N, C-alpha and C. Protein backbone atom coordinates (compact mmCIF):
# COMPACT_ATOMS: atom_id res chain seq x y z
N MET A 1 165.50 90.64 88.86
CA MET A 1 164.51 91.55 88.84
C MET A 1 164.58 92.52 87.50
N THR A 2 164.23 91.85 86.17
CA THR A 2 164.53 92.58 84.83
C THR A 2 163.34 93.53 84.97
N ASP A 3 162.23 93.43 85.87
CA ASP A 3 161.09 94.36 85.20
C ASP A 3 161.17 95.72 86.40
N ILE A 4 161.99 95.54 87.25
CA ILE A 4 162.42 96.44 88.16
C ILE A 4 163.15 97.78 87.65
N VAL A 5 162.82 99.01 87.80
CA VAL A 5 163.21 99.90 87.31
C VAL A 5 163.64 100.57 88.35
N PHE A 6 165.41 100.86 88.61
CA PHE A 6 166.33 101.39 89.26
C PHE A 6 166.60 102.30 88.94
N ASN A 7 167.15 103.61 89.77
CA ASN A 7 167.41 104.70 89.37
C ASN A 7 168.89 104.75 89.05
N GLU A 8 169.45 105.64 88.49
CA GLU A 8 171.11 105.86 88.41
C GLU A 8 172.05 105.06 89.30
N LYS A 9 171.65 105.27 90.69
CA LYS A 9 172.39 104.57 91.73
C LYS A 9 171.76 103.38 91.92
N GLY A 10 171.15 102.43 91.19
CA GLY A 10 170.84 101.07 91.38
C GLY A 10 169.62 100.96 92.77
N LEU A 11 168.78 102.11 92.97
CA LEU A 11 167.72 102.42 94.38
C LEU A 11 166.71 102.30 93.40
N ILE A 12 165.31 102.17 94.30
CA ILE A 12 164.19 102.21 93.71
C ILE A 12 163.46 102.82 95.43
N PRO A 13 162.73 104.17 95.25
CA PRO A 13 162.08 104.21 96.67
C PRO A 13 160.95 103.03 96.63
N ALA A 14 160.33 103.13 97.93
CA ALA A 14 160.49 102.17 98.91
C ALA A 14 159.43 102.64 100.41
N ILE A 15 157.76 102.84 99.74
CA ILE A 15 156.72 103.25 100.66
C ILE A 15 156.28 102.25 101.76
N VAL A 16 156.32 102.45 102.65
CA VAL A 16 156.15 101.23 103.60
C VAL A 16 154.45 101.90 104.60
N GLN A 17 153.47 100.97 104.42
CA GLN A 17 152.37 101.45 104.55
C GLN A 17 151.80 100.13 105.73
N ASP A 18 151.38 101.11 107.07
CA ASP A 18 150.70 99.55 108.16
C ASP A 18 149.72 99.28 107.68
N VAL A 19 149.70 97.82 107.26
CA VAL A 19 148.97 97.01 106.51
C VAL A 19 147.75 96.98 107.15
N ASN A 20 147.59 97.23 108.37
CA ASN A 20 145.96 97.00 109.53
C ASN A 20 145.14 98.71 109.38
N THR A 21 146.13 99.86 109.37
CA THR A 21 145.29 100.69 109.09
C THR A 21 145.54 101.77 107.76
N GLY A 22 146.24 101.28 106.96
CA GLY A 22 146.92 102.10 105.89
C GLY A 22 147.35 103.41 105.99
N GLU A 23 147.95 103.69 107.14
CA GLU A 23 148.64 104.68 107.41
C GLU A 23 150.20 104.60 106.57
N VAL A 24 150.62 105.47 105.92
CA VAL A 24 151.92 105.55 105.20
C VAL A 24 152.89 105.57 106.65
N LEU A 25 153.91 104.95 106.97
CA LEU A 25 154.61 105.12 107.76
C LEU A 25 156.41 105.97 107.25
N MET A 26 156.97 105.16 106.30
CA MET A 26 158.20 106.20 106.38
C MET A 26 158.05 105.58 104.54
N LEU A 27 159.23 106.14 104.30
CA LEU A 27 160.20 105.86 102.68
C LEU A 27 161.40 106.06 103.13
N GLY A 28 161.81 104.79 102.54
CA GLY A 28 163.49 104.19 102.23
C GLY A 28 163.60 103.46 100.76
N TYR A 29 164.44 103.31 100.82
CA TYR A 29 165.46 102.98 99.25
C TYR A 29 166.18 101.30 99.31
N MET A 30 165.56 100.79 98.55
CA MET A 30 166.03 99.29 98.29
C MET A 30 166.98 99.27 97.18
N ASN A 31 167.60 98.37 97.21
CA ASN A 31 168.77 97.87 95.93
C ASN A 31 167.94 96.67 95.94
N GLU A 32 168.78 96.33 94.85
CA GLU A 32 168.40 94.73 94.37
C GLU A 32 168.24 93.66 95.88
N GLU A 33 169.53 93.94 96.45
CA GLU A 33 169.44 93.04 97.62
C GLU A 33 168.72 93.52 98.51
N ALA A 34 168.47 94.47 99.17
CA ALA A 34 167.42 94.83 100.08
C ALA A 34 165.89 94.23 99.66
N ILE A 35 165.69 94.07 98.38
CA ILE A 35 164.28 94.12 98.08
C ILE A 35 163.94 92.15 98.54
N ARG A 36 165.31 91.40 97.43
CA ARG A 36 165.49 90.40 97.89
C ARG A 36 165.64 89.62 99.35
N LEU A 37 165.87 90.36 100.31
CA LEU A 37 166.59 90.08 101.81
C LEU A 37 164.61 90.69 102.28
N THR A 38 164.36 91.37 101.83
CA THR A 38 162.51 92.00 102.48
C THR A 38 161.50 90.76 102.09
N LEU A 39 161.89 90.23 100.77
CA LEU A 39 160.94 88.78 100.27
C LEU A 39 161.23 88.06 101.11
N SER A 40 162.41 87.67 101.04
CA SER A 40 162.94 86.32 101.80
C SER A 40 162.59 85.86 103.48
N SER A 41 163.36 87.20 103.80
CA SER A 41 163.01 87.15 105.54
C SER A 41 161.76 87.70 106.24
N ASN A 42 160.45 88.14 105.16
CA ASN A 42 158.90 88.97 105.40
C ASN A 42 159.89 89.80 106.82
N GLU A 43 160.85 90.81 106.82
CA GLU A 43 161.15 91.96 107.56
C GLU A 43 161.78 92.70 106.39
N VAL A 44 161.47 94.17 106.54
CA VAL A 44 162.06 95.00 105.37
C VAL A 44 163.38 95.50 106.11
N TRP A 45 163.78 95.54 104.88
CA TRP A 45 165.36 95.91 104.45
C TRP A 45 165.47 97.33 103.21
N PHE A 46 166.12 98.09 103.95
CA PHE A 46 166.84 99.18 102.92
C PHE A 46 168.25 99.33 102.37
N TYR A 47 168.46 100.30 101.83
CA TYR A 47 169.84 100.56 101.51
C TYR A 47 169.98 102.05 102.20
N SER A 48 171.06 102.26 103.27
CA SER A 48 171.16 103.73 103.35
C SER A 48 171.93 104.31 102.55
N ARG A 49 171.26 105.51 102.10
CA ARG A 49 172.06 106.19 101.18
C ARG A 49 173.16 106.92 101.92
N SER A 50 172.66 107.63 103.42
CA SER A 50 173.87 108.62 104.12
C SER A 50 174.90 107.53 104.45
N ARG A 51 174.99 105.88 104.72
CA ARG A 51 176.14 105.57 105.25
C ARG A 51 176.54 104.12 104.01
N GLN A 52 175.12 104.29 103.03
CA GLN A 52 175.97 103.33 102.04
C GLN A 52 176.13 102.16 102.57
N VAL A 53 175.18 101.28 103.22
CA VAL A 53 174.97 99.70 103.37
C VAL A 53 173.68 99.33 103.75
N MET A 54 173.25 97.59 103.74
CA MET A 54 171.83 97.45 104.09
C MET A 54 171.80 97.93 105.23
N TRP A 55 170.53 97.56 105.70
CA TRP A 55 169.96 98.43 106.81
C TRP A 55 168.89 97.42 106.76
N HIS A 56 168.71 96.45 107.94
CA HIS A 56 167.66 95.96 108.48
C HIS A 56 167.35 96.87 109.58
N LYS A 57 165.36 97.16 108.90
CA LYS A 57 164.94 98.30 109.71
C LYS A 57 164.22 97.61 111.15
N GLY A 58 164.64 98.44 112.39
CA GLY A 58 164.60 97.97 113.32
C GLY A 58 165.57 97.24 114.09
N GLU A 59 166.95 96.80 113.57
CA GLU A 59 168.06 96.07 114.25
C GLU A 59 168.55 96.76 115.24
N THR A 60 168.57 98.12 115.26
CA THR A 60 168.79 98.76 116.85
C THR A 60 167.79 98.64 117.76
N SER A 61 166.79 99.50 117.37
CA SER A 61 165.22 100.08 118.20
C SER A 61 164.46 98.70 118.61
N GLY A 62 164.56 97.50 117.88
CA GLY A 62 163.93 96.57 118.03
C GLY A 62 162.29 96.60 117.17
N ASN A 63 162.43 97.77 116.62
CA ASN A 63 160.69 97.74 115.73
C ASN A 63 160.84 97.83 114.75
N ARG A 64 160.97 96.78 114.42
CA ARG A 64 161.05 95.84 113.11
C ARG A 64 159.59 96.07 112.23
N LEU A 65 159.46 95.79 111.20
CA LEU A 65 158.72 95.69 110.38
C LEU A 65 158.31 94.69 109.77
N ILE A 66 156.98 94.08 109.92
CA ILE A 66 156.91 92.54 109.75
C ILE A 66 156.02 92.42 108.32
N VAL A 67 156.61 92.20 107.44
CA VAL A 67 155.54 92.57 105.77
C VAL A 67 154.90 91.09 105.40
N SER A 68 153.79 91.96 105.24
CA SER A 68 152.56 91.39 104.48
C SER A 68 152.57 91.09 103.26
N GLU A 69 152.48 92.29 102.32
CA GLU A 69 152.44 92.24 100.97
C GLU A 69 153.50 93.26 100.61
N VAL A 70 154.29 93.04 99.28
CA VAL A 70 155.15 93.64 98.53
C VAL A 70 154.73 94.03 97.11
N TRP A 71 154.37 95.28 96.80
CA TRP A 71 153.60 95.87 95.47
C TRP A 71 154.87 96.46 94.90
N LYS A 72 154.39 96.42 93.41
CA LYS A 72 155.12 97.52 92.56
C LYS A 72 154.52 98.48 92.06
N ASP A 73 154.74 99.66 91.76
CA ASP A 73 153.28 100.47 91.15
C ASP A 73 153.22 100.22 89.13
N CYS A 74 152.66 100.78 88.95
CA CYS A 74 152.39 100.58 87.11
C CYS A 74 153.37 100.82 86.44
N ASP A 75 154.45 101.59 86.71
CA ASP A 75 155.67 101.91 86.42
C ASP A 75 156.67 100.91 86.38
N SER A 76 156.65 100.26 87.69
CA SER A 76 157.64 99.57 88.44
C SER A 76 158.76 100.17 88.76
N ASP A 77 158.76 101.25 88.92
CA ASP A 77 159.49 102.10 89.57
C ASP A 77 159.72 102.74 90.78
N THR A 78 158.61 102.32 91.59
CA THR A 78 158.45 102.19 92.97
C THR A 78 157.88 101.49 93.86
N ILE A 79 158.32 100.60 94.87
CA ILE A 79 158.21 99.66 95.95
C ILE A 79 156.73 99.89 96.98
N LEU A 80 155.79 99.38 97.40
CA LEU A 80 155.14 99.63 98.37
C LEU A 80 154.87 98.30 99.20
N VAL A 81 155.17 98.50 100.50
CA VAL A 81 155.42 97.65 101.11
C VAL A 81 154.04 97.65 102.40
N LYS A 82 153.84 96.86 102.85
CA LYS A 82 152.44 96.75 103.43
C LYS A 82 152.79 95.42 104.66
N ALA A 83 153.10 96.52 105.74
CA ALA A 83 153.82 95.47 106.75
C ALA A 83 153.10 95.89 108.15
N LYS A 84 153.58 95.22 109.44
CA LYS A 84 152.98 95.33 110.68
C LYS A 84 153.97 96.02 111.76
N PRO A 85 154.21 96.98 111.97
CA PRO A 85 154.99 97.39 112.84
C PRO A 85 154.89 96.94 114.23
N LEU A 86 156.12 96.71 114.67
CA LEU A 86 156.11 96.23 116.00
C LEU A 86 156.89 97.41 116.88
N GLY A 87 156.29 98.49 116.72
CA GLY A 87 156.42 100.03 117.51
C GLY A 87 156.81 100.89 117.04
N PRO A 88 157.04 102.45 117.42
CA PRO A 88 157.27 103.29 116.44
C PRO A 88 158.11 103.06 115.58
N VAL A 89 157.79 103.71 114.38
CA VAL A 89 158.62 103.26 112.77
C VAL A 89 159.75 104.43 112.72
N CYS A 90 159.72 105.80 113.27
CA CYS A 90 160.45 106.79 113.11
C CYS A 90 161.74 106.94 114.19
N HIS A 91 162.51 107.06 113.91
CA HIS A 91 163.77 107.30 114.38
C HIS A 91 163.40 108.81 115.68
N THR A 92 162.39 109.36 115.67
CA THR A 92 161.83 110.73 116.84
C THR A 92 161.26 109.97 117.88
N GLY A 93 160.69 108.52 117.34
CA GLY A 93 159.70 108.04 118.69
C GLY A 93 158.69 107.76 117.94
N ASN A 94 158.07 108.69 117.06
CA ASN A 94 156.52 108.46 116.44
C ASN A 94 156.24 107.87 115.42
N ASN A 95 154.97 106.86 115.44
CA ASN A 95 154.59 105.78 114.57
C ASN A 95 154.92 106.23 113.37
N THR A 96 154.93 107.44 112.70
CA THR A 96 155.02 107.51 111.71
C THR A 96 156.20 108.21 111.17
N CYS A 97 156.33 108.51 110.13
CA CYS A 97 157.39 109.53 110.04
C CYS A 97 157.05 110.59 109.47
N PHE A 98 155.64 110.31 109.05
CA PHE A 98 155.01 111.58 108.20
C PHE A 98 154.05 112.23 109.44
N PHE A 99 154.82 113.45 110.36
CA PHE A 99 153.73 113.59 111.36
C PHE A 99 154.02 115.11 111.20
N GLN A 100 154.86 115.47 109.98
CA GLN A 100 154.81 117.63 110.15
C GLN A 100 154.00 118.03 108.87
N LYS A 101 153.35 118.81 109.39
CA LYS A 101 152.25 119.08 107.84
C LYS A 101 153.25 120.20 107.30
N LEU A 102 152.78 120.53 106.23
CA LEU A 102 153.99 121.05 105.27
C LEU A 102 152.95 122.57 104.99
N ASN A 103 153.15 123.82 105.14
CA ASN A 103 152.56 124.45 105.33
C ASN A 103 153.05 125.81 104.03
N LYS A 104 152.75 126.68 103.62
CA LYS A 104 153.45 127.75 102.72
C LYS A 104 154.60 128.28 103.03
N LYS A 105 154.09 128.88 104.30
CA LYS A 105 155.19 129.37 104.99
C LYS A 105 156.77 128.56 105.10
N ASP A 106 156.36 127.56 104.84
CA ASP A 106 157.86 126.04 105.17
C ASP A 106 158.35 126.58 103.52
N ILE A 107 157.89 126.85 102.62
CA ILE A 107 158.40 127.06 101.37
C ILE A 107 158.43 128.33 100.54
N GLU A 108 157.58 129.09 101.56
CA GLU A 108 157.76 130.71 100.75
C GLU A 108 158.38 131.72 101.80
N PRO A 109 159.83 132.46 101.31
CA PRO A 109 160.21 133.12 102.33
C PRO A 109 159.19 134.35 102.71
N GLY A 110 159.29 134.79 103.87
CA GLY A 110 158.29 136.01 104.36
C GLY A 110 157.34 135.71 104.72
N LEU A 111 156.87 134.70 104.94
CA LEU A 111 155.35 134.20 105.35
C LEU A 111 155.53 133.48 106.29
N GLY A 112 156.30 133.97 107.61
CA GLY A 112 156.54 133.20 108.77
C GLY A 112 155.97 133.74 109.88
């Protein structure tokens, strides 16, 4: 993987998008092993930064992500995985991890 640009911790951000709807489902991080496992198994794998272990998405919940396509961006420093979700993707039970709109009051003190 000589042309993939990993950060100083050996990770690259990976955006997961629903292959059918185009909806952005989640963002995770992959190391070289996670990319290899994702490409060879056709299921999404990440590297858990908090637990510092490989993470097979849906391993516990059964809500796996079946890979359709994997792309890299123009700088080779971000991965896009187009996948079919087998159930809710977010640990909260939502279909996507992106269900909370960011507002000015969230970032500016006194605007609540």
